[in-house]
Amino acid sequence: MRNLHPKLLVCLGAILLAAPVVLVARVDVKVEYDKKFDFKPVKTWAWTPDSPGDVKVARSEYDDKDAIKKEAEPIILDSVAAELKQRGLQQAQGVPDLAVTYYFLGIIYDQSKEYMDALANYQQFLKLADSEKNKLEIEKVNLRLPALQKQIKEKKGKK
């Protein structure tokens, strides 16, 4: 990597907030980088050598981080590559000008007591979910909805 900036590492921090299944509900993305870094001389980029990124899940102890990464990573990699290409950067075959890493954090609104957001995401999930592939998740959401609607009606949770 050319020495454009001491210890430069651009982190695309993808904070994705999702309902029961990652990638089918509303997605919020947060991008972080050194705002003082001059991108003008940067022509090439590549994913960090060890791994392009990492997945953290703060939803429940039963979540399978590796399964979520397997589903989310191809989408993240393709999206970042397309965006950087659109901005004129080429993916390096050798040593890049810039190393890029992503971080994905999946949380569930329901557990953070943001019930209106949870309801919206559950409803979006039910619209988009494959009834065969996601049968168990659909059943779980349908079991959760009455209690969630009651919590909203009673004005519980965060506002």
Protein backbone atom coordinates (compact mmCIF):
# COMPACT_ATOMS: atom_id res chain seq x y z
CA MET A 1 0.00 0.00 0.00
CA ARG A 2 1.37 3.44 -0.88
CA ASN A 3 1.99 5.60 2.12
CA LEU A 4 -0.68 8.21 1.45
CA HIS A 5 -1.48 8.71 5.11
CA PRO A 6 0.08 7.11 8.21
CA LYS A 7 -1.78 3.95 9.16
CA LEU A 8 -4.65 4.73 6.81
CA LEU A 9 -7.51 2.33 6.95
CA VAL A 10 -10.89 3.36 5.70
CA CYS A 11 -13.63 1.68 7.67
CA LEU A 12 -17.01 1.40 6.11
CA GLY A 13 -19.01 0.80 9.24
CA ALA A 14 -22.25 -0.68 8.17
CA ILE A 15 -24.67 -0.49 11.03
CA LEU A 16 -27.63 -2.43 9.83
CA LEU A 17 -30.74 -2.48 11.90
CA ALA A 18 -32.98 -5.36 11.03
CA ALA A 19 -35.99 -7.38 12.05
CA PRO A 20 -36.01 -11.17 12.42
CA VAL A 21 -34.10 -11.83 9.23
CA VAL A 22 -31.20 -9.63 8.19
CA LEU A 23 -31.45 -7.78 4.87
CA VAL A 24 -35.23 -7.79 4.42
CA ALA A 25 -36.16 -4.87 6.63
CA ARG A 26 -35.20 -1.19 6.70
CA VAL A 27 -31.44 -0.72 6.62
CA ASP A 28 -29.54 2.20 8.13
CA VAL A 29 -25.95 2.58 6.99
CA LYS A 30 -23.25 4.57 8.74
CA VAL A 31 -19.97 5.30 6.96
CA GLU A 32 -16.91 6.39 8.91
CA TYR A 33 -13.58 7.60 7.58
CA ASP A 34 -10.81 10.10 8.30
CA LYS A 35 -12.46 13.35 7.17
CA LYS A 36 -9.04 15.05 6.80
CA PHE A 37 -7.76 12.40 4.38
CA ASP A 38 -7.23 13.67 0.82
CA PHE A 39 -8.88 11.18 -1.56
CA LYS A 40 -7.71 13.01 -4.70
CA PRO A 41 -4.51 10.97 -5.21
CA VAL A 42 -6.27 7.65 -4.51
CA LYS A 43 -6.81 5.65 -7.69
CA THR A 44 -6.98 2.04 -6.44
CA TRP A 45 -8.50 0.18 -3.52
CA ALA A 46 -8.70 -3.37 -2.14
CA TRP A 47 -10.25 -5.18 0.78
CA THR A 48 -7.95 -5.62 3.77
CA PRO A 49 -5.79 -8.74 3.25
CA ASP A 50 -6.89 -10.86 6.22
CA SER A 51 -10.62 -10.35 5.79
CA PRO A 52 -12.82 -7.78 4.08
CA GLY A 53 -14.77 -7.22 7.27
CA ASP A 54 -16.53 -8.51 10.33
CA VAL A 55 -20.07 -9.19 11.49
CA LYS A 56 -21.31 -8.58 15.04
CA VAL A 57 -24.80 -9.56 16.12
CA ALA A 58 -26.48 -8.00 19.15
CA ARG A 59 -29.89 -9.59 18.72
CA SER A 60 -29.96 -12.82 20.73
CA GLU A 61 -27.61 -15.52 21.93
CA TYR A 62 -29.14 -17.86 19.34
CA ASP A 63 -28.11 -15.84 16.29
CA ASP A 64 -25.56 -17.49 14.03
CA LYS A 65 -23.02 -14.79 13.18
CA ASP A 66 -21.42 -16.95 10.48
CA ALA A 67 -24.75 -17.59 8.74
CA ILE A 68 -25.57 -13.88 8.82
CA LYS A 69 -22.10 -13.05 7.44
CA LYS A 70 -22.55 -15.62 4.66
CA GLU A 71 -25.79 -13.91 3.64
CA ALA A 72 -24.76 -10.28 4.15
CA GLU A 73 -21.14 -10.21 3.00
CA PRO A 74 -21.71 -10.75 -0.74
CA ILE A 75 -24.22 -7.89 -0.76
CA ILE A 76 -21.86 -5.59 1.15
CA LEU A 77 -18.86 -6.47 -1.03
CA ASP A 78 -20.78 -5.94 -4.28
CA SER A 79 -22.34 -2.67 -3.07
CA VAL A 80 -19.06 -1.16 -1.87
CA ALA A 81 -17.22 -2.23 -5.04
CA ALA A 82 -19.94 -0.68 -7.23
CA GLU A 83 -19.95 2.57 -5.24
CA LEU A 84 -16.16 2.94 -5.31
CA LYS A 85 -16.08 2.19 -9.05
CA GLN A 86 -18.77 4.84 -9.60
CA ARG A 87 -16.52 7.29 -7.75
CA GLY A 88 -13.63 6.53 -10.10
CA LEU A 89 -11.59 4.13 -7.96
CA GLN A 90 -10.42 0.86 -9.48
CA GLN A 91 -10.10 -2.36 -7.52
CA ALA A 92 -6.37 -3.10 -7.29
CA GLN A 93 -4.87 -6.35 -8.53
CA GLY A 94 -1.67 -5.68 -6.58
CA VAL A 95 -0.87 -3.25 -3.78
CA PRO A 96 -3.72 -0.72 -3.44
CA ASP A 97 -3.62 2.94 -2.57
CA LEU A 98 -6.37 2.29 -0.05
CA ALA A 99 -7.40 -0.65 2.14
CA VAL A 100 -11.12 -0.98 2.89
CA THR A 101 -12.84 -2.88 5.73
CA TYR A 102 -16.51 -3.22 6.56
CA TYR A 103 -18.15 -3.76 9.95
CA PHE A 104 -21.72 -5.03 10.12
CA LEU A 105 -23.74 -4.78 13.34
CA GLY A 106 -27.15 -6.41 13.42
CA ILE A 107 -29.56 -5.46 16.19
CA ILE A 108 -33.27 -5.82 16.65
CA TYR A 109 -35.49 -2.85 17.47
CA ASP A 110 -37.78 -4.99 19.60
CA GLN A 111 -35.07 -5.72 22.17
CA SER A 112 -34.09 -2.06 22.35
CA LYS A 113 -37.74 -1.20 23.15
CA GLU A 114 -38.21 0.75 19.93
CA TYR A 115 -41.56 -0.89 19.34
CA MET A 116 -42.85 1.30 16.49
CA ASP A 117 -39.70 0.60 14.48
CA ALA A 118 -39.91 -3.08 15.41
CA LEU A 119 -43.52 -3.26 14.21
CA ALA A 120 -42.65 -1.56 10.91
CA ASN A 121 -39.77 -3.97 10.36
CA TYR A 122 -41.83 -7.03 11.27
CA GLN A 123 -44.53 -5.94 8.82
CA GLN A 124 -41.92 -5.37 6.10
CA PHE A 125 -40.44 -8.80 6.82
CA LEU A 126 -43.87 -10.44 6.50
CA LYS A 127 -44.37 -8.76 3.11
CA LEU A 128 -40.99 -9.85 1.75
CA ALA A 129 -40.37 -13.21 3.40
CA ASP A 130 -40.53 -16.43 1.40
CA SER A 131 -43.38 -18.43 2.98
CA GLU A 132 -41.53 -21.75 2.55
CA LYS A 133 -37.96 -20.69 3.29
CA ASN A 134 -38.87 -18.46 6.24
CA LYS A 135 -41.78 -20.45 7.67
CA LEU A 136 -40.37 -20.64 11.22
CA GLU A 137 -39.43 -16.93 11.30
CA ILE A 138 -42.87 -15.98 9.99
CA GLU A 139 -44.51 -18.01 12.76
CA LYS A 140 -42.31 -16.33 15.39
CA VAL A 141 -43.18 -12.87 14.09
CA ASN A 142 -46.90 -13.68 14.00
CA LEU A 143 -46.70 -14.88 17.61
CA ARG A 144 -44.87 -11.70 18.66
CA LEU A 145 -47.13 -9.16 16.91
CA PRO A 146 -50.11 -9.15 19.35
CA ALA A 147 -47.89 -8.44 22.37
CA LEU A 148 -45.95 -5.82 20.45
CA GLN A 149 -49.16 -4.08 19.34
CA LYS A 150 -50.35 -4.10 22.95
CA GLN A 151 -47.07 -2.49 24.11
CA ILE A 152 -47.51 0.22 21.48
CA LYS A 153 -51.15 0.79 22.45
CA GLU A 154 -50.09 1.13 26.10
CA LYS A 155 -47.39 3.63 24.99
CA LYS A 156 -44.56 1.51 26.37
CA GLY A 157 -41.01 1.55 25.06
CA LYS A 158 -38.87 4.36 23.69
CA LYS A 159 -40.46 7.24 21.87
